[in-house]
Amino acid sequence: MGSAHRRRTHVPGRTPVHRAPAHLKLLALLGFMLVVVATPRTAYPAFAAYAAVLVALIVVARVPLGFLLPRMLVEVPFVVFAVLLPFIATGPTTTFLGLTVSEPGLEAAAALLIKATIGVAASLTLAATTEPHELLAGLGRLRLPHEMVQIMAFMIRYVDVVADEMHRMRIARESRGFRGSSIRQWGVLGRTASALFIRSYERGERVHLAMMSRGHDPSGGRS
């Protein structure tokens, strides 16, 4: 399971970025994002400098665009909200692409897109250059609560189990002629999602009971 997960989130390499300690990379990402978020939304030269630093880091780490671009789709909710901002915000108006939009809303939308894109790309670069177990060890070195590290470890370990279960359910649906190409079939997808949630919850309960029966201490042995 671990190897399958690494194939989806980690790009093997021997670059300086790969070799850097995970806890230092986590601190660098946190500091970088705090600076990006705190930058005034109209400071476009600063954003250009941040983007240039990030691109240079990606080049040094040799992270292929084929890895980054498909995973940038996680930014879609931010894009949708940014598109709506110029039309729902108040204040002075201006013309953009032939449409009358709010000028403050347009500036806010541009800043949101820029900051979200930089943040997502930076996070994906961290994931691409750091294996999951190294990230967990780095969080431990940063004194993150032991319980939270354990929860993340189980999440990473069993995300592939849930993904495999979802894959089997999809194959079972398609073997019965289901294609999900119309709104009328969304009910089937909803029931599938509910069944997947219940199965995942039950699996987690079984794993928890098995661990407790073997003397597992959730507190990590601390009093």
Protein backbone atom coordinates (compact mmCIF):
# COMPACT_ATOMS: atom_id res chain seq x y z
CA MET A 1 0.00 0.00 0.00
CA GLY A 2 2.78 2.38 0.84
CA SER A 3 4.48 1.99 -2.52
CA ALA A 4 1.24 2.66 -4.38
CA HIS A 5 0.70 5.80 -2.35
CA ARG A 6 4.24 7.03 -3.07
CA ARG A 7 3.72 6.54 -6.80
CA ARG A 8 0.86 9.00 -6.66
CA THR A 9 2.41 11.68 -4.45
CA HIS A 10 6.19 11.33 -4.57
CA VAL A 11 8.69 11.83 -7.38
CA PRO A 12 11.91 9.92 -6.57
CA GLY A 13 15.11 11.89 -6.91
CA ARG A 14 18.50 12.73 -5.46
CA THR A 15 18.30 16.50 -5.73
CA PRO A 16 19.24 18.87 -2.88
CA VAL A 17 15.52 19.49 -2.36
CA HIS A 18 14.87 15.76 -1.93
CA ARG A 19 17.76 15.41 0.52
CA ALA A 20 16.77 18.37 2.71
CA PRO A 21 15.35 17.38 6.14
CA ALA A 22 11.57 17.13 6.11
CA HIS A 23 11.06 19.33 9.18
CA LEU A 24 13.07 22.13 7.57
CA LYS A 25 11.03 21.87 4.38
CA LEU A 26 7.82 22.04 6.40
CA LEU A 27 9.02 25.15 8.20
CA ALA A 28 10.12 26.69 4.91
CA LEU A 29 6.70 26.01 3.35
CA LEU A 30 4.90 27.49 6.35
CA GLY A 31 7.08 30.62 6.36
CA PHE A 32 6.78 31.01 2.59
CA MET A 33 3.00 30.77 2.68
CA LEU A 34 2.72 33.23 5.56
CA VAL A 35 4.72 35.74 3.51
CA VAL A 36 2.60 35.11 0.40
CA VAL A 37 -0.69 35.49 2.28
CA ALA A 38 0.49 38.63 4.10
CA THR A 39 1.55 40.34 0.85
CA PRO A 40 -0.85 43.13 -0.23
CA ARG A 41 -3.07 41.98 -3.05
CA THR A 42 -1.84 44.64 -5.48
CA ALA A 43 1.87 43.91 -4.94
CA TYR A 44 2.21 42.07 -8.25
CA PRO A 45 6.03 42.42 -8.51
CA ALA A 46 6.32 40.61 -5.16
CA PHE A 47 4.06 37.81 -6.40
CA ALA A 48 6.18 37.56 -9.55
CA ALA A 49 9.27 37.18 -7.35
CA TYR A 50 7.58 34.46 -5.26
CA ALA A 51 6.56 32.61 -8.42
CA ALA A 52 10.10 32.86 -9.81
CA VAL A 53 11.55 31.40 -6.60
CA LEU A 54 9.02 28.57 -6.70
CA VAL A 55 9.71 27.79 -10.37
CA ALA A 56 13.44 27.73 -9.67
CA LEU A 57 12.84 25.30 -6.81
CA ILE A 58 10.72 23.06 -9.04
CA VAL A 59 13.45 23.05 -11.67
CA VAL A 60 16.14 22.21 -9.11
CA ALA A 61 13.95 19.43 -7.68
CA ARG A 62 13.28 18.12 -11.21
CA VAL A 63 9.57 17.77 -10.58
CA PRO A 64 7.92 17.17 -13.99
CA LEU A 65 5.02 19.30 -15.11
CA GLY A 66 3.14 16.07 -15.81
CA PHE A 67 3.08 15.53 -12.07
CA LEU A 68 2.10 19.05 -11.05
CA LEU A 69 -0.48 20.13 -13.62
CA PRO A 70 -3.10 17.37 -13.13
CA ARG A 71 -2.87 17.80 -9.35
CA MET A 72 -3.38 21.56 -9.65
CA LEU A 73 -7.06 20.75 -10.28
CA VAL A 74 -7.48 20.81 -6.52
CA GLU A 75 -7.50 24.58 -6.98
CA VAL A 76 -10.77 24.52 -8.95
CA PRO A 77 -12.99 25.66 -6.00
CA PHE A 78 -10.78 28.74 -5.56
CA VAL A 79 -11.01 29.44 -9.29
CA VAL A 80 -14.82 29.24 -9.23
CA PHE A 81 -15.03 31.59 -6.25
CA ALA A 82 -12.56 34.00 -7.85
CA VAL A 83 -14.62 34.10 -11.06
CA LEU A 84 -17.72 35.03 -9.06
CA LEU A 85 -16.04 37.70 -6.91
CA PRO A 86 -16.03 40.53 -9.49
CA PHE A 87 -19.79 40.08 -10.00
CA ILE A 88 -20.88 39.88 -6.36
CA ALA A 89 -18.50 42.38 -4.74
CA THR A 90 -19.54 46.00 -4.22
CA GLY A 91 -17.67 49.23 -4.88
CA PRO A 92 -16.55 51.14 -7.97
CA THR A 93 -17.06 49.31 -11.24
CA THR A 94 -14.86 48.89 -14.29
CA THR A 95 -15.04 47.14 -17.66
CA PHE A 96 -13.19 43.86 -18.05
CA LEU A 97 -13.50 41.73 -21.20
CA GLY A 98 -16.59 43.67 -22.13
CA LEU A 99 -18.28 43.06 -18.78
CA THR A 100 -19.03 45.54 -16.01
CA VAL A 101 -17.49 44.20 -12.81
CA SER A 102 -16.55 45.45 -9.36
CA GLU A 103 -13.04 46.87 -9.33
CA PRO A 104 -12.28 45.76 -5.73
CA GLY A 105 -13.79 42.36 -6.56
CA LEU A 106 -11.56 42.05 -9.62
CA GLU A 107 -8.46 42.86 -7.56
CA ALA A 108 -9.51 40.41 -4.86
CA ALA A 109 -10.14 37.69 -7.45
CA ALA A 110 -6.71 38.19 -9.01
CA ALA A 111 -5.02 38.07 -5.61
CA LEU A 112 -6.95 34.94 -4.63
CA LEU A 113 -5.97 33.14 -7.82
CA ILE A 114 -2.32 34.13 -7.50
CA LYS A 115 -2.01 33.18 -3.84
CA ALA A 116 -3.93 29.93 -4.26
CA THR A 117 -1.84 28.90 -7.27
CA ILE A 118 1.42 29.62 -5.48
CA GLY A 119 0.24 27.79 -2.36
CA VAL A 120 -0.97 24.70 -4.20
CA ALA A 121 2.19 24.51 -6.33
CA ALA A 122 4.42 24.88 -3.26
CA SER A 123 2.51 22.17 -1.38
CA LEU A 124 2.68 19.80 -4.34
CA THR A 125 6.42 20.42 -4.62
CA LEU A 126 6.83 19.48 -0.96
CA ALA A 127 4.80 16.31 -1.50
CA ALA A 128 6.78 15.44 -4.63
CA THR A 129 10.15 15.76 -2.91
CA THR A 130 9.31 14.25 0.49
CA GLU A 131 8.06 10.74 1.15
CA PRO A 132 5.02 10.41 3.44
CA HIS A 133 6.91 8.72 6.26
CA GLU A 134 9.52 11.51 6.15
CA LEU A 135 6.77 14.11 6.47
CA LEU A 136 5.40 12.31 9.52
CA ALA A 137 8.86 12.13 11.06
CA GLY A 138 9.31 15.83 10.35
CA LEU A 139 6.03 16.68 12.05
CA GLY A 140 7.16 14.64 15.03
CA ARG A 141 10.43 16.58 15.20
CA LEU A 142 8.41 19.80 15.16
CA ARG A 143 6.64 18.58 18.31
CA LEU A 144 3.24 18.15 16.70
CA PRO A 145 1.00 16.26 19.16
CA HIS A 146 1.69 12.53 18.97
CA GLU A 147 -2.00 11.72 18.52
CA MET A 148 -2.26 13.96 15.45
CA VAL A 149 0.82 12.35 13.89
CA GLN A 150 -0.72 8.92 14.47
CA ILE A 151 -3.98 9.97 12.84
CA MET A 152 -2.10 11.26 9.79
CA ALA A 153 -0.07 8.05 9.61
CA PHE A 154 -3.22 5.92 9.54
CA MET A 155 -4.81 8.22 6.99
CA ILE A 156 -1.81 7.86 4.66
CA ARG A 157 -1.69 4.12 5.16
CA TYR A 158 -5.38 3.44 4.51
CA VAL A 159 -6.15 5.98 1.81
CA ASP A 160 -5.06 3.36 -0.73
CA VAL A 161 -7.34 0.80 0.89
CA VAL A 162 -10.31 3.14 0.45
CA ALA A 163 -9.22 3.98 -3.11
CA ASP A 164 -9.03 0.28 -3.98
CA GLU A 165 -12.49 -0.25 -2.51
CA MET A 166 -13.84 2.62 -4.61
CA HIS A 167 -12.16 1.14 -7.70
CA ARG A 168 -13.80 -2.26 -7.10
CA MET A 169 -17.19 -0.61 -6.64
CA ARG A 170 -16.76 1.29 -9.90
CA ILE A 171 -15.89 -1.92 -11.76
CA ALA A 172 -18.94 -3.62 -10.24
CA ARG A 173 -21.20 -0.76 -11.42
CA GLU A 174 -19.77 -0.71 -14.92
CA SER A 175 -20.02 -4.50 -15.24
CA ARG A 176 -23.76 -4.05 -14.77
CA GLY A 177 -23.95 -1.49 -17.55
CA PHE A 178 -23.83 1.66 -15.39
CA ARG A 179 -22.16 4.69 -16.97
CA GLY A 180 -23.30 7.67 -14.88
CA SER A 181 -23.80 9.90 -17.90
CA SER A 182 -27.11 11.51 -16.87
CA ILE A 183 -28.49 13.37 -13.86
CA ARG A 184 -30.99 10.56 -13.22
CA GLN A 185 -28.08 8.26 -12.33
CA TRP A 186 -26.67 10.58 -9.68
CA GLY A 187 -28.75 8.77 -7.07
CA VAL A 188 -26.72 5.62 -7.71
CA LEU A 189 -23.51 7.58 -7.24
CA GLY A 190 -24.85 9.03 -4.00
CA ARG A 191 -25.71 5.57 -2.66
CA THR A 192 -22.27 4.36 -3.71
CA ALA A 193 -20.62 7.20 -1.79
CA SER A 194 -22.73 6.38 1.27
CA ALA A 195 -21.80 2.71 1.07
CA LEU A 196 -18.13 3.60 0.69
CA PHE A 197 -18.30 5.82 3.77
CA ILE A 198 -19.97 3.10 5.84
CA ARG A 199 -17.48 0.45 4.72
CA SER A 200 -14.55 2.75 5.48
CA TYR A 201 -15.97 3.57 8.92
CA GLU A 202 -16.53 -0.09 9.72
CA ARG A 203 -13.02 -0.95 8.56
CA GLY A 204 -11.62 1.74 10.83
CA GLU A 205 -13.61 0.38 13.76
CA ARG A 206 -12.26 -3.12 13.15
CA VAL A 207 -8.69 -1.87 12.92
CA HIS A 208 -9.12 0.14 16.13
CA LEU A 209 -10.52 -2.84 18.03
CA ALA A 210 -7.74 -5.09 16.73
CA MET A 211 -5.09 -2.62 17.87
CA MET A 212 -6.64 -2.17 21.30
CA SER A 213 -6.86 -5.95 21.78
CA ARG A 214 -3.11 -6.10 21.15
CA GLY A 215 -2.38 -3.54 23.85
CA HIS A 216 -2.02 -0.45 21.66
CA ASP A 217 -1.74 2.76 23.71
CA PRO A 218 -3.21 5.75 21.77
CA SER A 219 -1.23 8.16 23.94
CA GLY A 220 2.06 6.70 22.79
CA GLY A 221 2.91 5.31 26.21
CA ARG A 222 2.93 8.68 27.89
CA SER A 223 1.27 9.29 31.22
